[in-house]
Full PDB file with SEQRES, HELIX, SHEET, SSBOND, CRYST1, ORIGX, SCALE, CONECT and MASTER records, all heavy atoms in Angstrom:
SEQRES   1 A   29  VAL LEU ALA TRP LEU ARG THR SER LEU ALA LEU MET ALA          
SEQRES   2 A   29  ALA GLY VAL ALA VAL VAL GLN PHE VAL PRO LEU LEU GLY          
SEQRES   3 A   29  ARG PRO ALA                                                  
HELIX    1 AA1 LEU A    2  PHE A   21  1                                  20    
CRYST1    1.000    1.000    1.000  90.00  90.00  90.00 P 1           1          
ORIGX1      1.000000  0.000000  0.000000        0.00000                         
ORIGX2      0.000000  1.000000  0.000000        0.00000                         
ORIGX3      0.000000  0.000000  1.000000        0.00000                         
SCALE1      1.000000  0.000000  0.000000        0.00000                         
SCALE2      0.000000  1.000000  0.000000        0.00000                         
SCALE3      0.000000  0.000000  1.000000        0.00000                         
ATOM      1  N   VAL A   1      53.306  11.938  82.914  1.00  0.00           N  
ATOM      2  CA  VAL A   1      53.908  13.091  82.246  1.00  0.00           C  
ATOM      3  C   VAL A   1      54.455  14.060  83.299  1.00  0.00           C  
ATOM      4  O   VAL A   1      55.508  14.697  83.122  1.00  0.00           O  
ATOM      5  CB  VAL A   1      52.935  13.742  81.249  1.00  0.00           C  
ATOM      6  CG1 VAL A   1      51.861  14.546  81.942  1.00  0.00           C  
ATOM      7  CG2 VAL A   1      53.634  14.665  80.320  1.00  0.00           C  
ATOM      8  N   LEU A   2      53.679  14.247  84.417  1.00  0.00           N  
ATOM      9  CA  LEU A   2      54.189  15.042  85.455  1.00  0.00           C  
ATOM     10  C   LEU A   2      55.472  14.544  86.110  1.00  0.00           C  
ATOM     11  O   LEU A   2      56.466  15.356  86.465  1.00  0.00           O  
ATOM     12  CB  LEU A   2      53.141  15.216  86.561  1.00  0.00           C  
ATOM     13  CG  LEU A   2      51.911  16.072  86.105  1.00  0.00           C  
ATOM     14  CD1 LEU A   2      50.864  16.023  87.181  1.00  0.00           C  
ATOM     15  CD2 LEU A   2      52.301  17.497  85.758  1.00  0.00           C  
ATOM     16  N   ALA A   3      55.648  13.256  86.197  1.00  0.00           N  
ATOM     17  CA  ALA A   3      56.890  12.660  86.730  1.00  0.00           C  
ATOM     18  C   ALA A   3      58.036  12.957  85.731  1.00  0.00           C  
ATOM     19  O   ALA A   3      59.184  13.296  86.177  1.00  0.00           O  
ATOM     20  CB  ALA A   3      56.776  11.184  86.948  1.00  0.00           C  
ATOM     21  N   TRP A   4      57.781  12.840  84.429  1.00  0.00           N  
ATOM     22  CA  TRP A   4      58.851  13.150  83.446  1.00  0.00           C  
ATOM     23  C   TRP A   4      59.193  14.646  83.510  1.00  0.00           C  
ATOM     24  O   TRP A   4      60.361  15.048  83.406  1.00  0.00           O  
ATOM     25  CB  TRP A   4      58.399  12.701  82.014  1.00  0.00           C  
ATOM     26  CG  TRP A   4      58.592  11.338  81.709  1.00  0.00           C  
ATOM     27  CD1 TRP A   4      57.653  10.376  81.685  1.00  0.00           C  
ATOM     28  CD2 TRP A   4      59.791  10.721  81.530  1.00  0.00           C  
ATOM     29  NE1 TRP A   4      58.218   9.214  81.369  1.00  0.00           N  
ATOM     30  CE2 TRP A   4      59.576   9.295  81.242  1.00  0.00           C  
ATOM     31  CE3 TRP A   4      61.150  11.105  81.420  1.00  0.00           C  
ATOM     32  CZ2 TRP A   4      60.513   8.398  81.005  1.00  0.00           C  
ATOM     33  CZ3 TRP A   4      62.101  10.167  81.148  1.00  0.00           C  
ATOM     34  CH2 TRP A   4      61.813   8.853  80.949  1.00  0.00           C  
ATOM     35  N   LEU A   5      58.239  15.515  83.786  1.00  0.00           N  
ATOM     36  CA  LEU A   5      58.495  16.922  83.815  1.00  0.00           C  
ATOM     37  C   LEU A   5      59.284  17.287  85.091  1.00  0.00           C  
ATOM     38  O   LEU A   5      60.104  18.108  85.065  1.00  0.00           O  
ATOM     39  CB  LEU A   5      57.219  17.723  83.783  1.00  0.00           C  
ATOM     40  CG  LEU A   5      56.525  17.707  82.400  1.00  0.00           C  
ATOM     41  CD1 LEU A   5      55.117  18.389  82.480  1.00  0.00           C  
ATOM     42  CD2 LEU A   5      57.322  18.320  81.295  1.00  0.00           C  
ATOM     43  N   ARG A   6      59.010  16.553  86.211  1.00  0.00           N  
ATOM     44  CA  ARG A   6      59.845  16.741  87.444  1.00  0.00           C  
ATOM     45  C   ARG A   6      61.245  16.267  87.138  1.00  0.00           C  
ATOM     46  O   ARG A   6      62.259  16.957  87.621  1.00  0.00           O  
ATOM     47  CB  ARG A   6      59.260  15.953  88.565  1.00  0.00           C  
ATOM     48  CG  ARG A   6      58.078  16.561  89.247  1.00  0.00           C  
ATOM     49  CD  ARG A   6      57.692  15.933  90.488  1.00  0.00           C  
ATOM     50  NE  ARG A   6      57.356  14.465  90.378  1.00  0.00           N  
ATOM     51  CZ  ARG A   6      56.262  13.943  90.043  1.00  0.00           C  
ATOM     52  NH1 ARG A   6      55.204  14.757  89.861  1.00  0.00           N  
ATOM     53  NH2 ARG A   6      56.007  12.605  89.907  1.00  0.00           N  
ATOM     54  N   THR A   7      61.441  15.170  86.391  1.00  0.00           N  
ATOM     55  CA  THR A   7      62.760  14.772  86.040  1.00  0.00           C  
ATOM     56  C   THR A   7      63.488  15.848  85.200  1.00  0.00           C  
ATOM     57  O   THR A   7      64.658  16.103  85.393  1.00  0.00           O  
ATOM     58  CB  THR A   7      62.721  13.448  85.236  1.00  0.00           C  
ATOM     59  OG1 THR A   7      62.073  12.459  86.073  1.00  0.00           O  
ATOM     60  CG2 THR A   7      64.062  12.962  84.827  1.00  0.00           C  
ATOM     61  N   SER A   8      62.722  16.380  84.236  1.00  0.00           N  
ATOM     62  CA  SER A   8      63.270  17.469  83.414  1.00  0.00           C  
ATOM     63  C   SER A   8      63.736  18.682  84.280  1.00  0.00           C  
ATOM     64  O   SER A   8      64.819  19.218  84.046  1.00  0.00           O  
ATOM     65  CB  SER A   8      62.249  17.932  82.414  1.00  0.00           C  
ATOM     66  OG  SER A   8      62.664  19.031  81.699  1.00  0.00           O  
ATOM     67  N   LEU A   9      62.897  18.994  85.281  1.00  0.00           N  
ATOM     68  CA  LEU A   9      63.286  20.159  86.131  1.00  0.00           C  
ATOM     69  C   LEU A   9      64.541  19.836  86.949  1.00  0.00           C  
ATOM     70  O   LEU A   9      65.405  20.714  87.132  1.00  0.00           O  
ATOM     71  CB  LEU A   9      62.127  20.452  87.054  1.00  0.00           C  
ATOM     72  CG  LEU A   9      62.244  21.670  87.975  1.00  0.00           C  
ATOM     73  CD1 LEU A   9      62.465  22.944  87.208  1.00  0.00           C  
ATOM     74  CD2 LEU A   9      61.012  21.784  88.838  1.00  0.00           C  
ATOM     75  N   ALA A  10      64.657  18.575  87.419  1.00  0.00           N  
ATOM     76  CA  ALA A  10      65.801  18.167  88.184  1.00  0.00           C  
ATOM     77  C   ALA A  10      67.048  18.193  87.323  1.00  0.00           C  
ATOM     78  O   ALA A  10      68.120  18.625  87.791  1.00  0.00           O  
ATOM     79  CB  ALA A  10      65.575  16.768  88.765  1.00  0.00           C  
ATOM     80  N   LEU A  11      66.930  17.798  86.057  1.00  0.00           N  
ATOM     81  CA  LEU A  11      68.074  17.859  85.165  1.00  0.00           C  
ATOM     82  C   LEU A  11      68.548  19.335  84.893  1.00  0.00           C  
ATOM     83  O   LEU A  11      69.710  19.559  84.862  1.00  0.00           O  
ATOM     84  CB  LEU A  11      67.756  17.159  83.823  1.00  0.00           C  
ATOM     85  CG  LEU A  11      67.719  15.683  83.901  1.00  0.00           C  
ATOM     86  CD1 LEU A  11      66.973  15.109  82.622  1.00  0.00           C  
ATOM     87  CD2 LEU A  11      69.013  15.060  84.116  1.00  0.00           C  
ATOM     88  N   MET A  12      67.508  20.227  84.785  1.00  0.00           N  
ATOM     89  CA  MET A  12      67.862  21.566  84.586  1.00  0.00           C  
ATOM     90  C   MET A  12      68.581  22.166  85.843  1.00  0.00           C  
ATOM     91  O   MET A  12      69.535  22.911  85.719  1.00  0.00           O  
ATOM     92  CB  MET A  12      66.583  22.414  84.280  1.00  0.00           C  
ATOM     93  CG  MET A  12      66.944  23.880  83.889  1.00  0.00           C  
ATOM     94  SD  MET A  12      65.448  24.743  83.407  1.00  0.00           S  
ATOM     95  CE  MET A  12      64.799  23.811  82.067  1.00  0.00           C  
ATOM     96  N   ALA A  13      68.110  21.784  86.983  1.00  0.00           N  
ATOM     97  CA  ALA A  13      68.679  22.252  88.283  1.00  0.00           C  
ATOM     98  C   ALA A  13      70.136  21.746  88.362  1.00  0.00           C  
ATOM     99  O   ALA A  13      71.011  22.451  88.805  1.00  0.00           O  
ATOM    100  CB  ALA A  13      67.849  21.789  89.442  1.00  0.00           C  
ATOM    101  N   ALA A  14      70.354  20.490  87.909  1.00  0.00           N  
ATOM    102  CA  ALA A  14      71.663  19.889  87.976  1.00  0.00           C  
ATOM    103  C   ALA A  14      72.648  20.685  86.980  1.00  0.00           C  
ATOM    104  O   ALA A  14      73.784  20.988  87.345  1.00  0.00           O  
ATOM    105  CB  ALA A  14      71.609  18.439  87.534  1.00  0.00           C  
ATOM    106  N   GLY A  15      72.064  21.078  85.836  1.00  0.00           N  
ATOM    107  CA  GLY A  15      72.892  21.915  84.891  1.00  0.00           C  
ATOM    108  C   GLY A  15      73.320  23.205  85.508  1.00  0.00           C  
ATOM    109  O   GLY A  15      74.442  23.655  85.443  1.00  0.00           O  
ATOM    110  N   VAL A  16      72.388  23.914  86.127  1.00  0.00           N  
ATOM    111  CA  VAL A  16      72.685  25.181  86.779  1.00  0.00           C  
ATOM    112  C   VAL A  16      73.653  24.999  87.922  1.00  0.00           C  
ATOM    113  O   VAL A  16      74.622  25.721  88.087  1.00  0.00           O  
ATOM    114  CB  VAL A  16      71.370  25.821  87.272  1.00  0.00           C  
ATOM    115  CG1 VAL A  16      71.644  27.073  88.130  1.00  0.00           C  
ATOM    116  CG2 VAL A  16      70.464  26.259  86.091  1.00  0.00           C  
ATOM    117  N   ALA A  17      73.413  23.945  88.667  1.00  0.00           N  
ATOM    118  CA  ALA A  17      74.299  23.678  89.894  1.00  0.00           C  
ATOM    119  C   ALA A  17      75.721  23.417  89.435  1.00  0.00           C  
ATOM    120  O   ALA A  17      76.638  23.940  90.050  1.00  0.00           O  
ATOM    121  CB  ALA A  17      73.804  22.507  90.662  1.00  0.00           C  
ATOM    122  N   VAL A  18      75.923  22.640  88.403  1.00  0.00           N  
ATOM    123  CA  VAL A  18      77.255  22.315  87.952  1.00  0.00           C  
ATOM    124  C   VAL A  18      78.019  23.595  87.534  1.00  0.00           C  
ATOM    125  O   VAL A  18      79.145  23.778  87.885  1.00  0.00           O  
ATOM    126  CB  VAL A  18      77.276  21.311  86.769  1.00  0.00           C  
ATOM    127  CG1 VAL A  18      78.596  21.214  86.017  1.00  0.00           C  
ATOM    128  CG2 VAL A  18      76.830  19.910  87.281  1.00  0.00           C  
ATOM    129  N   VAL A  19      77.343  24.445  86.804  1.00  0.00           N  
ATOM    130  CA  VAL A  19      77.990  25.668  86.229  1.00  0.00           C  
ATOM    131  C   VAL A  19      78.125  26.711  87.408  1.00  0.00           C  
ATOM    132  O   VAL A  19      79.267  27.325  87.546  1.00  0.00           O  
ATOM    133  CB  VAL A  19      77.178  26.264  85.139  1.00  0.00           C  
ATOM    134  CG1 VAL A  19      77.721  27.665  84.746  1.00  0.00           C  
ATOM    135  CG2 VAL A  19      77.156  25.340  83.955  1.00  0.00           C  
ATOM    136  N   GLN A  20      77.205  26.883  88.261  1.00  0.00           N  
ATOM    137  CA  GLN A  20      77.138  27.999  89.201  1.00  0.00           C  
ATOM    138  C   GLN A  20      77.853  27.592  90.598  1.00  0.00           C  
ATOM    139  O   GLN A  20      78.466  28.500  91.171  1.00  0.00           O  
ATOM    140  CB  GLN A  20      75.745  28.537  89.503  1.00  0.00           C  
ATOM    141  CG  GLN A  20      75.148  29.173  88.317  1.00  0.00           C  
ATOM    142  CD  GLN A  20      75.907  30.452  87.854  1.00  0.00           C  
ATOM    143  OE1 GLN A  20      76.325  31.253  88.701  1.00  0.00           O  
ATOM    144  NE2 GLN A  20      76.112  30.599  86.566  1.00  0.00           N  
ATOM    145  N   PHE A  21      77.618  26.401  91.010  1.00  0.00           N  
ATOM    146  CA  PHE A  21      77.979  26.090  92.395  1.00  0.00           C  
ATOM    147  C   PHE A  21      79.152  25.088  92.543  1.00  0.00           C  
ATOM    148  O   PHE A  21      79.506  24.702  93.643  1.00  0.00           O  
ATOM    149  CB  PHE A  21      76.839  25.492  93.189  1.00  0.00           C  
ATOM    150  CG  PHE A  21      75.641  26.472  93.192  1.00  0.00           C  
ATOM    151  CD1 PHE A  21      74.422  26.157  92.614  1.00  0.00           C  
ATOM    152  CD2 PHE A  21      75.748  27.730  93.725  1.00  0.00           C  
ATOM    153  CE1 PHE A  21      73.361  26.996  92.579  1.00  0.00           C  
ATOM    154  CE2 PHE A  21      74.674  28.650  93.722  1.00  0.00           C  
ATOM    155  CZ  PHE A  21      73.494  28.267  93.137  1.00  0.00           C  
ATOM    156  N   VAL A  22      79.767  24.749  91.410  1.00  0.00           N  
ATOM    157  CA  VAL A  22      80.889  23.810  91.486  1.00  0.00           C  
ATOM    158  C   VAL A  22      82.081  24.453  90.727  1.00  0.00           C  
ATOM    159  O   VAL A  22      82.557  23.926  89.742  1.00  0.00           O  
ATOM    160  CB  VAL A  22      80.504  22.502  90.860  1.00  0.00           C  
ATOM    161  CG1 VAL A  22      81.587  21.431  91.128  1.00  0.00           C  
ATOM    162  CG2 VAL A  22      79.181  21.939  91.389  1.00  0.00           C  
ATOM    163  N   PRO A  23      82.487  25.699  91.085  1.00  0.00           N  
ATOM    164  CA  PRO A  23      83.470  26.399  90.337  1.00  0.00           C  
ATOM    165  C   PRO A  23      84.904  25.765  90.316  1.00  0.00           C  
ATOM    166  O   PRO A  23      85.638  25.955  89.448  1.00  0.00           O  
ATOM    167  CB  PRO A  23      83.532  27.781  90.901  1.00  0.00           C  
ATOM    168  CG  PRO A  23      83.028  27.554  92.313  1.00  0.00           C  
ATOM    169  CD  PRO A  23      82.060  26.432  92.240  1.00  0.00           C  
ATOM    170  N   LEU A  24      85.210  24.987  91.369  1.00  0.00           N  
ATOM    171  CA  LEU A  24      86.576  24.429  91.472  1.00  0.00           C  
ATOM    172  C   LEU A  24      86.732  23.091  90.852  1.00  0.00           C  
ATOM    173  O   LEU A  24      87.828  22.496  90.873  1.00  0.00           O  
ATOM    174  CB  LEU A  24      87.000  24.415  92.967  1.00  0.00           C  
ATOM    175  CG  LEU A  24      87.026  25.788  93.650  1.00  0.00           C  
ATOM    176  CD1 LEU A  24      87.332  25.583  95.118  1.00  0.00           C  
ATOM    177  CD2 LEU A  24      87.954  26.748  92.928  1.00  0.00           C  
ATOM    178  N   LEU A  25      85.660  22.521  90.268  1.00  0.00           N  
ATOM    179  CA  LEU A  25      85.755  21.175  89.720  1.00  0.00           C  
ATOM    180  C   LEU A  25      85.955  21.198  88.205  1.00  0.00           C  
ATOM    181  O   LEU A  25      85.155  21.527  87.468  1.00  0.00           O  
ATOM    182  CB  LEU A  25      84.415  20.485  90.033  1.00  0.00           C  
ATOM    183  CG  LEU A  25      84.361  19.005  89.653  1.00  0.00           C  
ATOM    184  CD1 LEU A  25      85.388  18.157  90.406  1.00  0.00           C  
ATOM    185  CD2 LEU A  25      82.989  18.400  89.970  1.00  0.00           C  
ATOM    186  N   GLY A  26      87.236  20.869  87.811  1.00  0.00           N  
ATOM    187  CA  GLY A  26      87.505  20.807  86.458  1.00  0.00           C  
ATOM    188  C   GLY A  26      87.760  22.141  85.789  1.00  0.00           C  
ATOM    189  O   GLY A  26      87.595  23.189  86.422  1.00  0.00           O  
ATOM    190  N   ARG A  27      88.014  22.056  84.524  1.00  0.00           N  
ATOM    191  CA  ARG A  27      88.242  23.274  83.767  1.00  0.00           C  
ATOM    192  C   ARG A  27      86.874  23.916  83.465  1.00  0.00           C  
ATOM    193  O   ARG A  27      85.859  23.235  83.293  1.00  0.00           O  
ATOM    194  CB  ARG A  27      88.842  22.930  82.404  1.00  0.00           C  
ATOM    195  CG  ARG A  27      90.245  22.458  82.588  1.00  0.00           C  
ATOM    196  CD  ARG A  27      90.913  22.189  81.267  1.00  0.00           C  
ATOM    197  NE  ARG A  27      92.287  21.948  81.461  1.00  0.00           N  
ATOM    198  CZ  ARG A  27      93.010  20.982  80.816  1.00  0.00           C  
ATOM    199  NH1 ARG A  27      92.387  20.311  79.839  1.00  0.00           N  
ATOM    200  NH2 ARG A  27      94.201  20.800  81.058  1.00  0.00           N  
ATOM    201  N   PRO A  28      86.787  25.322  83.414  1.00  0.00           N  
ATOM    202  CA  PRO A  28      85.506  25.965  83.126  1.00  0.00           C  
ATOM    203  C   PRO A  28      84.808  25.522  81.879  1.00  0.00           C  
ATOM    204  O   PRO A  28      83.659  25.356  81.895  1.00  0.00           O  
ATOM    205  CB  PRO A  28      85.958  27.438  83.066  1.00  0.00           C  
ATOM    206  CG  PRO A  28      87.189  27.545  83.767  1.00  0.00           C  
ATOM    207  CD  PRO A  28      87.889  26.199  83.604  1.00  0.00           C  
ATOM    208  N   ALA A  29      85.560  25.255  80.807  1.00  0.00           N  
ATOM    209  CA  ALA A  29      84.881  24.813  79.544  1.00  0.00           C  
ATOM    210  C   ALA A  29      84.205  23.445  79.693  1.00  0.00           C  
ATOM    211  O   ALA A  29      83.110  23.210  79.228  1.00  0.00           O  
ATOM    212  CB  ALA A  29      85.845  24.731  78.403  1.00  0.00           C  
TER     213      ALA A  29                                                      
MASTER        0    0    0    1    0    0    0    6  212    1    0    3          
END                                                                             
């Protein structure tokens, strides 16, 4: 369960990274 929760945290970090740190990639929407 801790491994799955780490995976969940990594997915959340990926979501934040895509929105906040990749501003020039594709359309904002």
